[in-house]
Structures are given as structure tokens and as C-alpha cells.
PDB file of all heavy atoms in Angstrom:
ATOM      1  N   ARG A   1     226.887  97.884 -33.829  1.00  0.00           N
ATOM      2  CA  ARG A   1     226.335  97.960 -32.476  1.00  0.00           C
ATOM      3  C   ARG A   1     225.808  99.345 -32.158  1.00  0.00           C
ATOM      4  O   ARG A   1     224.876  99.514 -31.357  1.00  0.00           O
ATOM      5  CB  ARG A   1     227.400  97.528 -31.459  1.00  0.00           C
ATOM      6  CG  ARG A   1     226.883  97.172 -30.100  1.00  0.00           C
ATOM      7  CD  ARG A   1     227.995  96.639 -29.214  1.00  0.00           C
ATOM      8  NE  ARG A   1     228.597  95.441 -29.777  1.00  0.00           N
ATOM      9  CZ  ARG A   1     228.152  94.202 -29.600  1.00  0.00           C
ATOM     10  NH1 ARG A   1     227.091  94.014 -28.842  1.00  0.00           N
ATOM     11  NH2 ARG A   1     228.758  93.168 -30.144  1.00  0.00           N
ATOM     12  N   GLU A   2     226.373 100.363 -32.774  1.00  0.00           N
ATOM     13  CA  GLU A   2     225.950 101.752 -32.499  1.00  0.00           C
ATOM     14  C   GLU A   2     224.687 102.137 -33.240  1.00  0.00           C
ATOM     15  O   GLU A   2     224.062 103.147 -32.920  1.00  0.00           O
ATOM     16  CB  GLU A   2     227.079 102.714 -32.872  1.00  0.00           C
ATOM     17  CG  GLU A   2     228.286 102.645 -31.920  1.00  0.00           C
ATOM     18  CD  GLU A   2     229.476 103.464 -32.417  1.00  0.00           C
ATOM     19  OE1 GLU A   2     229.624 103.609 -33.665  1.00  0.00           O
ATOM     20  OE2 GLU A   2     230.242 103.946 -31.570  1.00  0.00           O
ATOM     21  N   LYS A   3     224.296 101.362 -34.255  1.00  0.00           N
ATOM     22  CA  LYS A   3     223.115 101.722 -35.061  1.00  0.00           C
ATOM     23  C   LYS A   3     221.828 101.086 -34.579  1.00  0.00           C
ATOM     24  O   LYS A   3     220.749 101.678 -34.714  1.00  0.00           O
ATOM     25  CB  LYS A   3     223.372 101.320 -36.505  1.00  0.00           C
ATOM     26  CG  LYS A   3     224.393 102.199 -37.229  1.00  0.00           C
ATOM     27  CD  LYS A   3     224.426 101.954 -38.705  1.00  0.00           C
ATOM     28  CE  LYS A   3     224.961 100.593 -39.056  1.00  0.00           C
ATOM     29  NZ  LYS A   3     225.074 100.392 -40.508  1.00  0.00           N
ATOM     30  N   HIS A   4     221.916  99.853 -34.027  1.00  0.00           N
ATOM     31  CA  HIS A   4     220.695  99.122 -33.642  1.00  0.00           C
ATOM     32  C   HIS A   4     220.924  98.348 -32.353  1.00  0.00           C
ATOM     33  O   HIS A   4     222.028  97.952 -32.028  1.00  0.00           O
ATOM     34  CB  HIS A   4     220.291  98.116 -34.717  1.00  0.00           C
ATOM     35  CG  HIS A   4     219.914  98.719 -36.039  1.00  0.00           C
ATOM     36  ND1 HIS A   4     220.859  98.918 -37.032  1.00  0.00           N
ATOM     37  CD2 HIS A   4     218.740  99.172 -36.524  1.00  0.00           C
ATOM     38  CE1 HIS A   4     220.271  99.459 -38.079  1.00  0.00           C
ATOM     39  NE2 HIS A   4     218.986  99.636 -37.777  1.00  0.00           N
ATOM     40  N   THR A   5     219.805  98.118 -31.658  1.00  0.00           N
ATOM     41  CA  THR A   5     219.766  97.114 -30.617  1.00  0.00           C
ATOM     42  C   THR A   5     218.738  96.064 -31.023  1.00  0.00           C
ATOM     43  O   THR A   5     217.889  96.302 -31.884  1.00  0.00           O
ATOM     44  CB  THR A   5     219.383  97.723 -29.246  1.00  0.00           C
ATOM     45  OG1 THR A   5     218.065  98.296 -29.339  1.00  0.00           O
ATOM     46  CG2 THR A   5     220.375  98.796 -28.828  1.00  0.00           C
ATOM     47  N   ARG A   6     218.811  94.900 -30.363  1.00  0.00           N
ATOM     48  CA  ARG A   6     217.848  93.836 -30.643  1.00  0.00           C
ATOM     49  C   ARG A   6     217.227  93.372 -29.348  1.00  0.00           C
ATOM     50  O   ARG A   6     217.911  93.301 -28.305  1.00  0.00           O
ATOM     51  CB  ARG A   6     218.528  92.667 -31.396  1.00  0.00           C
ATOM     52  CG  ARG A   6     219.039  93.059 -32.762  1.00  0.00           C
ATOM     53  CD  ARG A   6     219.406  91.851 -33.601  1.00  0.00           C
ATOM     54  NE  ARG A   6     219.934  92.201 -34.897  1.00  0.00           N
ATOM     55  CZ  ARG A   6     219.200  92.496 -35.972  1.00  0.00           C
ATOM     56  NH1 ARG A   6     217.864  92.464 -35.873  1.00  0.00           N
ATOM     57  NH2 ARG A   6     219.765  92.799 -37.124  1.00  0.00           N
ATOM     58  N   GLU A   7     215.938  93.047 -29.409  1.00  0.00           N
ATOM     59  CA  GLU A   7     215.210  92.622 -28.223  1.00  0.00           C
ATOM     60  C   GLU A   7     214.392  91.382 -28.563  1.00  0.00           C
ATOM     61  O   GLU A   7     213.621  91.408 -29.529  1.00  0.00           O
ATOM     62  CB  GLU A   7     214.311  93.740 -27.716  1.00  0.00           C
ATOM     63  CG  GLU A   7     213.758  93.534 -26.319  1.00  0.00           C
ATOM     64  CD  GLU A   7     213.110  94.790 -25.751  1.00  0.00           C
ATOM     65  OE1 GLU A   7     212.874  95.757 -26.522  1.00  0.00           O
ATOM     66  OE2 GLU A   7     212.847  94.811 -24.550  1.00  0.00           O
ATOM     67  N   CYS A   8     214.581  90.314 -27.812  1.00  0.00           N
ATOM     68  CA  CYS A   8     213.912  89.053 -28.094  1.00  0.00           C
ATOM     69  C   CYS A   8     212.935  88.705 -26.976  1.00  0.00           C
ATOM     70  O   CYS A   8     213.304  88.751 -25.792  1.00  0.00           O
ATOM     71  CB  CYS A   8     214.928  87.922 -28.219  1.00  0.00           C
ATOM     72  SG  CYS A   8     216.118  88.106 -29.541  1.00  0.00           S
ATOM     73  N   PHE A   9     211.727  88.337 -27.354  1.00  0.00           N
ATOM     74  CA  PHE A   9     210.750  87.834 -26.414  1.00  0.00           C
ATOM     75  C   PHE A   9     210.521  86.367 -26.748  1.00  0.00           C
ATOM     76  O   PHE A   9     210.065  86.038 -27.848  1.00  0.00           O
ATOM     77  CB  PHE A   9     209.435  88.630 -26.508  1.00  0.00           C
ATOM     78  CG  PHE A   9     209.579  90.044 -26.022  1.00  0.00           C
ATOM     79  CD1 PHE A   9     210.064  91.041 -26.895  1.00  0.00           C
ATOM     80  CD2 PHE A   9     209.277  90.388 -24.730  1.00  0.00           C
ATOM     81  CE1 PHE A   9     210.221  92.359 -26.462  1.00  0.00           C
ATOM     82  CE2 PHE A   9     209.430  91.713 -24.258  1.00  0.00           C
ATOM     83  CZ  PHE A   9     209.889  92.696 -25.138  1.00  0.00           C
ATOM     84  N   VAL A  10     210.891  85.489 -25.831  1.00  0.00           N
ATOM     85  CA  VAL A  10     211.006  84.068 -26.109  1.00  0.00           C
ATOM     86  C   VAL A  10     210.061  83.272 -25.196  1.00  0.00           C
ATOM     87  O   VAL A  10     210.023  83.481 -23.963  1.00  0.00           O
ATOM     88  CB  VAL A  10     212.434  83.571 -25.887  1.00  0.00           C
ATOM     89  CG1 VAL A  10     212.548  82.072 -26.101  1.00  0.00           C
ATOM     90  CG2 VAL A  10     213.404  84.327 -26.806  1.00  0.00           C
ATOM     91  N   VAL A  11     209.299  82.357 -25.812  1.00  0.00           N
ATOM     92  CA  VAL A  11     208.545  81.366 -25.054  1.00  0.00           C
ATOM     93  C   VAL A  11     209.350  80.063 -25.132  1.00  0.00           C
ATOM     94  O   VAL A  11     209.567  79.517 -26.210  1.00  0.00           O
ATOM     95  CB  VAL A  11     207.144  81.148 -25.654  1.00  0.00           C
ATOM     96  CG1 VAL A  11     206.400  80.083 -24.845  1.00  0.00           C
ATOM     97  CG2 VAL A  11     206.364  82.465 -25.664  1.00  0.00           C
ATOM     98  N   ALA A  12     209.795  79.585 -23.969  1.00  0.00           N
ATOM     99  CA  ALA A  12     210.634  78.370 -23.917  1.00  0.00           C
ATOM    100  C   ALA A  12     209.754  77.163 -23.612  1.00  0.00           C
ATOM    101  O   ALA A  12     208.692  77.257 -22.994  1.00  0.00           O
ATOM    102  CB  ALA A  12     211.709  78.531 -22.855  1.00  0.00           C
ATOM    103  N   GLU A  13     210.231  75.998 -24.078  1.00  0.00           N
ATOM    104  CA  GLU A  13     209.580  74.765 -23.703  1.00  0.00           C
ATOM    105  C   GLU A  13     209.754  74.517 -22.204  1.00  0.00           C
ATOM    106  O   GLU A  13     210.735  74.976 -21.595  1.00  0.00           O
ATOM    107  CB  GLU A  13     210.208  73.592 -24.480  1.00  0.00           C
ATOM    108  CG  GLU A  13     210.099  73.685 -25.991  1.00  0.00           C
ATOM    109  CD  GLU A  13     208.714  73.383 -26.512  1.00  0.00           C
ATOM    110  OE1 GLU A  13     207.829  73.028 -25.693  1.00  0.00           O
ATOM    111  OE2 GLU A  13     208.499  73.522 -27.733  1.00  0.00           O
ATOM    112  N   GLU A  14     208.801  73.803 -21.628  1.00  0.00           N
ATOM    113  CA  GLU A  14     208.864  73.511 -20.201  1.00  0.00           C
ATOM    114  C   GLU A  14     210.159  72.728 -19.888  1.00  0.00           C
ATOM    115  O   GLU A  14     210.471  71.738 -20.556  1.00  0.00           O
ATOM    116  CB  GLU A  14     207.648  72.698 -19.788  1.00  0.00           C
ATOM    117  CG  GLU A  14     207.556  72.473 -18.275  1.00  0.00           C
ATOM    118  CD  GLU A  14     206.272  71.773 -17.875  1.00  0.00           C
ATOM    119  OE1 GLU A  14     205.404  71.595 -18.734  1.00  0.00           O
ATOM    120  OE2 GLU A  14     206.182  71.389 -16.686  1.00  0.00           O
ATOM    121  N   GLY A  15     210.890  73.176 -18.921  1.00  0.00           N
ATOM    122  CA  GLY A  15     212.098  72.510 -18.501  1.00  0.00           C
ATOM    123  C   GLY A  15     213.321  72.857 -19.333  1.00  0.00           C
ATOM    124  O   GLY A  15     214.422  72.298 -19.077  1.00  0.00           O
ATOM    125  N   ALA A  16     213.199  73.741 -20.306  1.00  0.00           N
ATOM    126  CA  ALA A  16     214.333  74.094 -21.164  1.00  0.00           C
ATOM    127  C   ALA A  16     215.395  74.877 -20.371  1.00  0.00           C
ATOM    128  O   ALA A  16     215.074  75.549 -19.388  1.00  0.00           O
ATOM    129  CB  ALA A  16     213.871  74.917 -22.352  1.00  0.00           C
ATOM    130  N   ASP A  17     216.630  74.782 -20.797  1.00  0.00           N
ATOM    131  CA  ASP A  17     217.740  75.477 -20.161  1.00  0.00           C
ATOM    132  C   ASP A  17     217.764  76.916 -20.671  1.00  0.00           C
ATOM    133  O   ASP A  17     218.232  77.206 -21.745  1.00  0.00           O
ATOM    134  CB  ASP A  17     219.053  74.766 -20.527  1.00  0.00           C
ATOM    135  CG  ASP A  17     220.249  75.345 -19.785  1.00  0.00           C
ATOM    136  OD1 ASP A  17     220.175  76.509 -19.339  1.00  0.00           O
ATOM    137  OD2 ASP A  17     221.296  74.661 -19.705  1.00  0.00           O
ATOM    138  N   LEU A  18     217.244  77.823 -19.847  1.00  0.00           N
ATOM    139  CA  LEU A  18     217.091  79.229 -20.275  1.00  0.00           C
ATOM    140  C   LEU A  18     218.452  79.900 -20.494  1.00  0.00           C
ATOM    141  O   LEU A  18     218.607  80.708 -21.419  1.00  0.00           O
ATOM    142  CB  LEU A  18     216.261  79.997 -19.274  1.00  0.00           C
ATOM    143  CG  LEU A  18     214.864  79.454 -18.966  1.00  0.00           C
ATOM    144  CD1 LEU A  18     214.080  80.423 -18.091  1.00  0.00           C
ATOM    145  CD2 LEU A  18     214.095  79.163 -20.250  1.00  0.00           C
ATOM    146  N   ARG A  19     219.421  79.599 -19.654  1.00  0.00           N
ATOM    147  CA  ARG A  19     220.739  80.218 -19.813  1.00  0.00           C
ATOM    148  C   ARG A  19     221.376  79.791 -21.125  1.00  0.00           C
ATOM    149  O   ARG A  19     222.010  80.592 -21.823  1.00  0.00           O
ATOM    150  CB  ARG A  19     221.637  79.825 -18.648  1.00  0.00           C
ATOM    151  CG  ARG A  19     221.285  80.516 -17.325  1.00  0.00           C
ATOM    152  CD  ARG A  19     222.345  80.247 -16.271  1.00  0.00           C
ATOM    153  NE  ARG A  19     222.061  80.959 -15.026  1.00  0.00           N
ATOM    154  CZ  ARG A  19     222.847  80.929 -13.961  1.00  0.00           C
ATOM    155  NH1 ARG A  19     223.956  80.189 -13.989  1.00  0.00           N
ATOM    156  NH2 ARG A  19     222.503  81.608 -12.863  1.00  0.00           N
ATOM    157  N   ARG A  20     221.233  78.494 -21.507  1.00  0.00           N
ATOM    158  CA  ARG A  20     221.788  78.031 -22.770  1.00  0.00           C
ATOM    159  C   ARG A  20     221.110  78.731 -23.935  1.00  0.00           C
ATOM    160  O   ARG A  20     221.762  79.174 -24.899  1.00  0.00           O
ATOM    161  CB  ARG A  20     221.639  76.518 -22.892  1.00  0.00           C
ATOM    162  CG  ARG A  20     222.091  76.006 -24.268  1.00  0.00           C
ATOM    163  CD  ARG A  20     221.731  74.525 -24.458  1.00  0.00           C
ATOM    164  NE  ARG A  20     220.322  74.237 -24.275  1.00  0.00           N
ATOM    165  CZ  ARG A  20     219.387  74.470 -25.212  1.00  0.00           C
ATOM    166  NH1 ARG A  20     219.719  75.036 -26.376  1.00  0.00           N
ATOM    167  NH2 ARG A  20     218.132  74.163 -24.988  1.00  0.00           N
ATOM    168  N   ILE A  21     219.764  78.830 -23.869  1.00  0.00           N
ATOM    169  CA  ILE A  21     219.033  79.492 -24.966  1.00  0.00           C
ATOM    170  C   ILE A  21     219.468  80.932 -25.129  1.00  0.00           C
ATOM    171  O   ILE A  21     219.735  81.403 -26.236  1.00  0.00           O
ATOM    172  CB  ILE A  21     217.525  79.395 -24.696  1.00  0.00           C
ATOM    173  CG1 ILE A  21     217.025  77.951 -24.810  1.00  0.00           C
ATOM    174  CG2 ILE A  21     216.753  80.294 -25.681  1.00  0.00           C
ATOM    175  CD1 ILE A  21     215.583  77.753 -24.361  1.00  0.00           C
ATOM    176  N   GLU A  22     219.554  81.646 -24.009  1.00  0.00           N
ATOM    177  CA  GLU A  22     220.001  83.035 -24.079  1.00  0.00           C
ATOM    178  C   GLU A  22     221.392  83.160 -24.666  1.00  0.00           C
ATOM    179  O   GLU A  22     221.657  84.033 -25.510  1.00  0.00           O
ATOM    180  CB  GLU A  22     219.955  83.682 -22.690  1.00  0.00           C
ATOM    181  CG  GLU A  22     220.362  85.158 -22.705  1.00  0.00           C
ATOM    182  CD  GLU A  22     220.213  85.796 -21.337  1.00  0.00           C
ATOM    183  OE1 GLU A  22     219.915  85.098 -20.366  1.00  0.00           O
ATOM    184  OE2 GLU A  22     220.394  87.041 -21.258  1.00  0.00           O
ATOM    185  N   SER A  23     222.302  82.283 -24.259  1.00  0.00           N
ATOM    186  CA  SER A  23     223.671  82.323 -24.774  1.00  0.00           C
ATOM    187  C   SER A  23     223.700  82.031 -26.254  1.00  0.00           C
ATOM    188  O   SER A  23     224.433  82.710 -27.028  1.00  0.00           O
ATOM    189  CB  SER A  23     224.526  81.283 -24.029  1.00  0.00           C
ATOM    190  OG  SER A  23     225.844  81.250 -24.538  1.00  0.00           O
ATOM    191  N   GLU A  24     222.903  81.066 -26.733  1.00  0.00           N
ATOM    192  CA  GLU A  24     222.874  80.766 -28.162  1.00  0.00           C
ATOM    193  C   GLU A  24     222.326  81.929 -28.955  1.00  0.00           C
ATOM    194  O   GLU A  24     222.778  82.192 -30.082  1.00  0.00           O
ATOM    195  CB  GLU A  24     222.040  79.506 -28.418  1.00  0.00           C
ATOM    196  CG  GLU A  24     222.717  78.222 -27.977  1.00  0.00           C
ATOM    197  CD  GLU A  24     222.012  76.989 -28.520  1.00  0.00           C
ATOM    198  OE1 GLU A  24     221.520  77.032 -29.653  1.00  0.00           O
ATOM    199  OE2 GLU A  24     221.972  75.965 -27.805  1.00  0.00           O
ATOM    200  N   ILE A  25     221.370  82.644 -28.402  1.00  0.00           N
ATOM    201  CA  ILE A  25     220.801  83.815 -29.097  1.00  0.00           C
ATOM    202  C   ILE A  25     221.840  84.912 -29.218  1.00  0.00           C
ATOM    203  O   ILE A  25     222.147  85.372 -30.320  1.00  0.00           O
ATOM    204  CB  ILE A  25     219.549  84.338 -28.379  1.00  0.00           C
ATOM    205  CG1 ILE A  25     218.406  83.307 -28.461  1.00  0.00           C
ATOM    206  CG2 ILE A  25     219.105  85.667 -28.981  1.00  0.00           C
ATOM    207  CD1 ILE A  25     217.207  83.632 -27.616  1.00  0.00           C
ATOM    208  N   VAL A  26     222.378  85.368 -28.112  1.00  0.00           N
ATOM    209  CA  VAL A  26     223.234  86.556 -28.139  1.00  0.00           C
ATOM    210  C   VAL A  26     224.542  86.305 -28.850  1.00  0.00           C
ATOM    211  O   VAL A  26     225.185  87.259 -29.309  1.00  0.00           O
ATOM    212  CB  VAL A  26     223.481  87.089 -26.709  1.00  0.00           C
ATOM    213  CG1 VAL A  26     222.179  87.485 -26.025  1.00  0.00           C
ATOM    214  CG2 VAL A  26     224.258  86.096 -25.873  1.00  0.00           C
ATOM    215  N   ASN A  27     224.939  85.039 -29.004  1.00  0.00           N
ATOM    216  CA  ASN A  27     226.195  84.723 -29.665  1.00  0.00           C
ATOM    217  C   ASN A  27     226.003  84.185 -31.102  1.00  0.00           C
ATOM    218  O   ASN A  27     226.969  83.750 -31.724  1.00  0.00           O
ATOM    219  CB  ASN A  27     226.975  83.675 -28.848  1.00  0.00           C
ATOM    220  CG  ASN A  27     227.461  84.253 -27.536  1.00  0.00           C
ATOM    221  OD1 ASN A  27     228.211  85.230 -27.518  1.00  0.00           O
ATOM    222  ND2 ASN A  27     227.014  83.667 -26.431  1.00  0.00           N
ATOM    223  N   MET A  28     224.773  84.247 -31.631  1.00  0.00           N
ATOM    224  CA  MET A  28     224.511  83.693 -32.951  1.00  0.00           C
ATOM    225  C   MET A  28     225.126  84.575 -34.040  1.00  0.00           C
ATOM    226  O   MET A  28     224.783  85.758 -34.165  1.00  0.00           O
ATOM    227  CB  MET A  28     222.977  83.593 -33.180  1.00  0.00           C
ATOM    228  CG  MET A  28     222.598  82.867 -34.470  1.00  0.00           C
ATOM    229  SD  MET A  28     220.801  82.842 -34.719  1.00  0.00           S
ATOM    230  CE  MET A  28     220.247  81.915 -33.290  1.00  0.00           C
ATOM    231  N   PRO A  29     226.063  84.046 -34.827  1.00  0.00           N
ATOM    232  CA  PRO A  29     226.688  84.860 -35.859  1.00  0.00           C
ATOM    233  C   PRO A  29     225.702  85.254 -36.956  1.00  0.00           C
ATOM    234  O   PRO A  29     224.728  84.527 -37.225  1.00  0.00           O
ATOM    235  CB  PRO A  29     227.787  83.946 -36.411  1.00  0.00           C
ATOM    236  CG  PRO A  29     227.341  82.558 -36.060  1.00  0.00           C
ATOM    237  CD  PRO A  29     226.585  82.668 -34.785  1.00  0.00           C
ATOM    238  N   ASN A  30     225.918  86.413 -37.564  1.00  0.00           N
ATOM    239  CA  ASN A  30     225.097  86.959 -38.663  1.00  0.00           C
ATOM    240  C   ASN A  30     223.733  87.455 -38.195  1.00  0.00           C
ATOM    241  O   ASN A  30     223.033  88.110 -38.934  1.00  0.00           O
ATOM    242  CB  ASN A  30     224.886  85.939 -39.793  1.00  0.00           C
ATOM    243  CG  ASN A  30     226.164  85.528 -40.461  1.00  0.00           C
ATOM    244  OD1 ASN A  30     227.088  86.318 -40.596  1.00  0.00           O
ATOM    245  ND2 ASN A  30     226.225  84.275 -40.887  1.00  0.00           N
ATOM    246  N   TYR A  31     223.360  87.155 -36.945  1.00  0.00           N
ATOM    247  CA  TYR A  31     222.045  87.548 -36.444  1.00  0.00           C
ATOM    248  C   TYR A  31     222.134  88.456 -35.213  1.00  0.00           C
ATOM    249  O   TYR A  31     221.537  89.544 -35.182  1.00  0.00           O
ATOM    250  CB  TYR A  31     221.195  86.318 -36.143  1.00  0.00           C
ATOM    251  CG  TYR A  31     220.669  85.621 -37.365  1.00  0.00           C
ATOM    252  CD1 TYR A  31     221.429  84.640 -38.005  1.00  0.00           C
ATOM    253  CD2 TYR A  31     219.442  85.951 -37.906  1.00  0.00           C
ATOM    254  CE1 TYR A  31     220.942  84.002 -39.131  1.00  0.00           C
ATOM    255  CE2 TYR A  31     218.944  85.332 -39.053  1.00  0.00           C
ATOM    256  CZ  TYR A  31     219.709  84.345 -39.654  1.00  0.00           C
ATOM    257  OH  TYR A  31     219.256  83.732 -40.796  1.00  0.00           O
ATOM    258  N   PHE A  32     222.860  88.025 -34.173  1.00  0.00           N
ATOM    259  CA  PHE A  32     222.828  88.749 -32.909  1.00  0.00           C
ATOM    260  C   PHE A  32     224.216  89.108 -32.326  1.00  0.00           C
ATOM    261  O   PHE A  32     224.306  89.982 -31.485  1.00  0.00           O
ATOM    262  CB  PHE A  32     222.045  87.943 -31.842  1.00  0.00           C
ATOM    263  CG  PHE A  32     220.628  87.703 -32.216  1.00  0.00           C
ATOM    264  CD1 PHE A  32     220.202  86.483 -32.730  1.00  0.00           C
ATOM    265  CD2 PHE A  32     219.680  88.713 -32.064  1.00  0.00           C
ATOM    266  CE1 PHE A  32     218.882  86.267 -33.082  1.00  0.00           C
ATOM    267  CE2 PHE A  32     218.347  88.505 -32.405  1.00  0.00           C
ATOM    268  CZ  PHE A  32     217.962  87.269 -32.922  1.00  0.00           C
ATOM    269  N   SER A  33     225.246  88.415 -32.746  1.00  0.00           N
ATOM    270  CA  SER A  33     226.514  88.574 -32.053  1.00  0.00           C
ATOM    271  C   SER A  33     227.119  89.971 -32.179  1.00  0.00           C
ATOM    272  O   SER A  33     227.922  90.373 -31.340  1.00  0.00           O
ATOM    273  CB  SER A  33     227.538  87.543 -32.588  1.00  0.00           C
ATOM    274  OG  SER A  33     227.725  87.687 -33.987  1.00  0.00           O
ATOM    275  N   ASP A  34     226.723  90.718 -33.201  1.00  0.00           N
ATOM    276  CA  ASP A  34     227.296  92.051 -33.401  1.00  0.00           C
ATOM    277  C   ASP A  34     226.435  93.170 -32.789  1.00  0.00           C
ATOM    278  O   ASP A  34     226.702  94.352 -33.005  1.00  0.00           O
ATOM    279  CB  ASP A  34     227.466  92.348 -34.891  1.00  0.00           C
ATOM    280  CG  ASP A  34     228.539  91.460 -35.508  1.00  0.00           C
ATOM    281  OD1 ASP A  34     229.472  91.086 -34.791  1.00  0.00           O
ATOM    282  OD2 ASP A  34     228.423  91.133 -36.718  1.00  0.00           O
ATOM    283  N   TYR A  35     225.387  92.778 -32.034  1.00  0.00           N
ATOM    284  CA  TYR A  35     224.462  93.756 -31.487  1.00  0.00           C
ATOM    285  C   TYR A  35     224.353  93.607 -29.978  1.00  0.00           C
ATOM    286  O   TYR A  35     224.588  92.535 -29.435  1.00  0.00           O
ATOM    287  CB  TYR A  35     223.067  93.552 -32.099  1.00  0.00           C
ATOM    288  CG  TYR A  35     222.988  93.676 -33.589  1.00  0.00           C
ATOM    289  CD1 TYR A  35     223.292  92.580 -34.390  1.00  0.00           C
ATOM    290  CD2 TYR A  35     222.630  94.874 -34.196  1.00  0.00           C
ATOM    291  CE1 TYR A  35     223.202  92.685 -35.768  1.00  0.00           C
ATOM    292  CE2 TYR A  35     222.556  94.983 -35.556  1.00  0.00           C
ATOM    293  CZ  TYR A  35     222.840  93.882 -36.362  1.00  0.00           C
ATOM    294  OH  TYR A  35     222.789  93.980 -37.722  1.00  0.00           O
ATOM    295  N   ASP A  36     223.915  94.692 -29.315  1.00  0.00           N
ATOM    296  CA  ASP A  36     223.490  94.595 -27.916  1.00  0.00           C
ATOM    297  C   ASP A  36     222.113  93.950 -27.939  1.00  0.00           C
ATOM    298  O   ASP A  36     221.135  94.576 -28.457  1.00  0.00           O
ATOM    299  CB  ASP A  36     223.457  95.965 -27.250  1.00  0.00           C
ATOM    300  CG  ASP A  36     224.849  96.520 -27.025  1.00  0.00           C
ATOM    301  OD1 ASP A  36     225.809  95.735 -26.935  1.00  0.00           O
ATOM    302  OD2 ASP A  36     224.987  97.767 -26.961  1.00  0.00           O
ATOM    303  N   THR A  37     221.980  92.756 -27.429  1.00  0.00           N
ATOM    304  CA  THR A  37     220.751  91.981 -27.515  1.00  0.00           C
ATOM    305  C   THR A  37     220.230  91.677 -26.115  1.00  0.00           C
ATOM    306  O   THR A  37     220.968  91.188 -25.258  1.00  0.00           O
ATOM    307  CB  THR A  37     220.978  90.676 -28.277  1.00  0.00           C
ATOM    308  OG1 THR A  37     221.472  90.958 -29.576  1.00  0.00           O
ATOM    309  CG2 THR A  37     219.683  89.865 -28.395  1.00  0.00           C
ATOM    310  N   THR A  38     218.948  91.936 -25.914  1.00  0.00           N
ATOM    311  CA  THR A  38     218.282  91.654 -24.634  1.00  0.00           C
ATOM    312  C   THR A  38     217.269  90.520 -24.871  1.00  0.00           C
ATOM    313  O   THR A  38     216.501  90.582 -25.850  1.00  0.00           O
ATOM    314  CB  THR A  38     217.561  92.882 -24.095  1.00  0.00           C
ATOM    315  OG1 THR A  38     218.497  93.962 -23.983  1.00  0.00           O
ATOM    316  CG2 THR A  38     216.931  92.603 -22.738  1.00  0.00           C
ATOM    317  N   VAL A  39     217.284  89.529 -24.002  1.00  0.00           N
ATOM    318  CA  VAL A  39     216.365  88.389 -24.118  1.00  0.00           C
ATOM    319  C   VAL A  39     215.424  88.373 -22.949  1.00  0.00           C
ATOM    320  O   VAL A  39     215.851  88.418 -21.790  1.00  0.00           O
ATOM    321  CB  VAL A  39     217.150  87.059 -24.198  1.00  0.00           C
ATOM    322  CG1 VAL A  39     216.197  85.886 -24.287  1.00  0.00           C
ATOM    323  CG2 VAL A  39     218.109  87.067 -25.367  1.00  0.00           C
ATOM    324  N   HIS A  40     214.106  88.316 -23.241  1.00  0.00           N
ATOM    325  CA  HIS A  40     213.083  88.215 -22.206  1.00  0.00           C
ATOM    326  C   HIS A  40     212.365  86.867 -22.382  1.00  0.00           C
ATOM    327  O   HIS A  40     211.944  86.522 -23.500  1.00  0.00           O
ATOM    328  CB  HIS A  40     212.036  89.340 -22.335  1.00  0.00           C
ATOM    329  CG  HIS A  40     212.615  90.708 -22.372  1.00  0.00           C
ATOM    330  ND1 HIS A  40     212.947  91.418 -21.243  1.00  0.00           N
ATOM    331  CD2 HIS A  40     212.903  91.523 -23.421  1.00  0.00           C
ATOM    332  CE1 HIS A  40     213.433  92.617 -21.594  1.00  0.00           C
ATOM    333  NE2 HIS A  40     213.405  92.692 -22.901  1.00  0.00           N
ATOM    334  N   PHE A  41     212.203  86.133 -21.328  1.00  0.00           N
ATOM    335  CA  PHE A  41     211.414  84.894 -21.373  1.00  0.00           C
ATOM    336  C   PHE A  41     210.024  85.180 -20.833  1.00  0.00           C
ATOM    337  O   PHE A  41     209.848  85.722 -19.736  1.00  0.00           O
ATOM    338  CB  PHE A  41     212.107  83.800 -20.553  1.00  0.00           C
ATOM    339  CG  PHE A  41     213.378  83.305 -21.181  1.00  0.00           C
ATOM    340  CD1 PHE A  41     214.604  83.769 -20.747  1.00  0.00           C
ATOM    341  CD2 PHE A  41     213.332  82.382 -22.240  1.00  0.00           C
ATOM    342  CE1 PHE A  41     215.785  83.347 -21.344  1.00  0.00           C
ATOM    343  CE2 PHE A  41     214.497  81.946 -22.837  1.00  0.00           C
ATOM    344  CZ  PHE A  41     215.726  82.412 -22.389  1.00  0.00           C
ATOM    345  N   ILE A  42     209.016  84.863 -21.655  1.00  0.00           N
ATOM    346  CA  ILE A  42     207.633  85.176 -21.329  1.00  0.00           C
ATOM    347  C   ILE A  42     206.776  83.932 -21.564  1.00  0.00           C
ATOM    348  O   ILE A  42     207.248  82.926 -22.111  1.00  0.00           O
ATOM    349  CB  ILE A  42     207.094  86.343 -22.191  1.00  0.00           C
ATOM    350  CG1 ILE A  42     207.123  85.972 -23.672  1.00  0.00           C
ATOM    351  CG2 ILE A  42     207.909  87.599 -21.937  1.00  0.00           C
ATOM    352  CD1 ILE A  42     206.478  87.014 -24.575  1.00  0.00           C
ATOM    353  N   THR A  43     205.509  84.025 -21.158  1.00  0.00           N
ATOM    354  CA  THR A  43     204.604  82.904 -21.359  1.00  0.00           C
ATOM    355  C   THR A  43     203.936  82.996 -22.731  1.00  0.00           C
ATOM    356  O   THR A  43     203.970  84.051 -23.397  1.00  0.00           O
ATOM    357  CB  THR A  43     203.481  82.921 -20.288  1.00  0.00           C
ATOM    358  OG1 THR A  43     202.676  84.110 -20.473  1.00  0.00           O
ATOM    359  CG2 THR A  43     204.078  82.919 -18.876  1.00  0.00           C
ATOM    360  N   GLN A  44     203.323  81.904 -23.158  1.00  0.00           N
ATOM    361  CA  GLN A  44     202.610  81.907 -24.431  1.00  0.00           C
ATOM    362  C   GLN A  44     201.446  82.886 -24.400  1.00  0.00           C
ATOM    363  O   GLN A  44     201.149  83.557 -25.394  1.00  0.00           O
ATOM    364  CB  GLN A  44     202.093  80.521 -24.757  1.00  0.00           C
ATOM    365  CG  GLN A  44     201.546  80.367 -26.186  1.00  0.00           C
ATOM    366  CD  GLN A  44     202.654  80.513 -27.228  1.00  0.00           C
ATOM    367  OE1 GLN A  44     203.626  79.785 -27.232  1.00  0.00           O
ATOM    368  NE2 GLN A  44     202.498  81.469 -28.148  1.00  0.00           N
TER     369      GLN A  44
END
């Protein structure tokens, strides 16, 4: 966590549960769970 941060820019499907998506990202093992991760939802 002290060496890197991660930043995600995500285009979600219409009507998708944004809170669930963000939770799945930041808690994903081997990818994001060990980092300070910021998720931004943006348009296509």
C-alpha cells in the first residue's frame, strides 16, 4: 500500500449498481485489495 495507489475510471451499464461495482473492485484479491484504490464512474 505504501508503494502504489490505483485509480479506476469505469463506464457502467445503464442501471448498474454502482456501489456493488465499487465494492467488488476495491476488495478484489490479487488486484486491488492491498492498495488504496479510487473508483471514478464516467461516461463512454
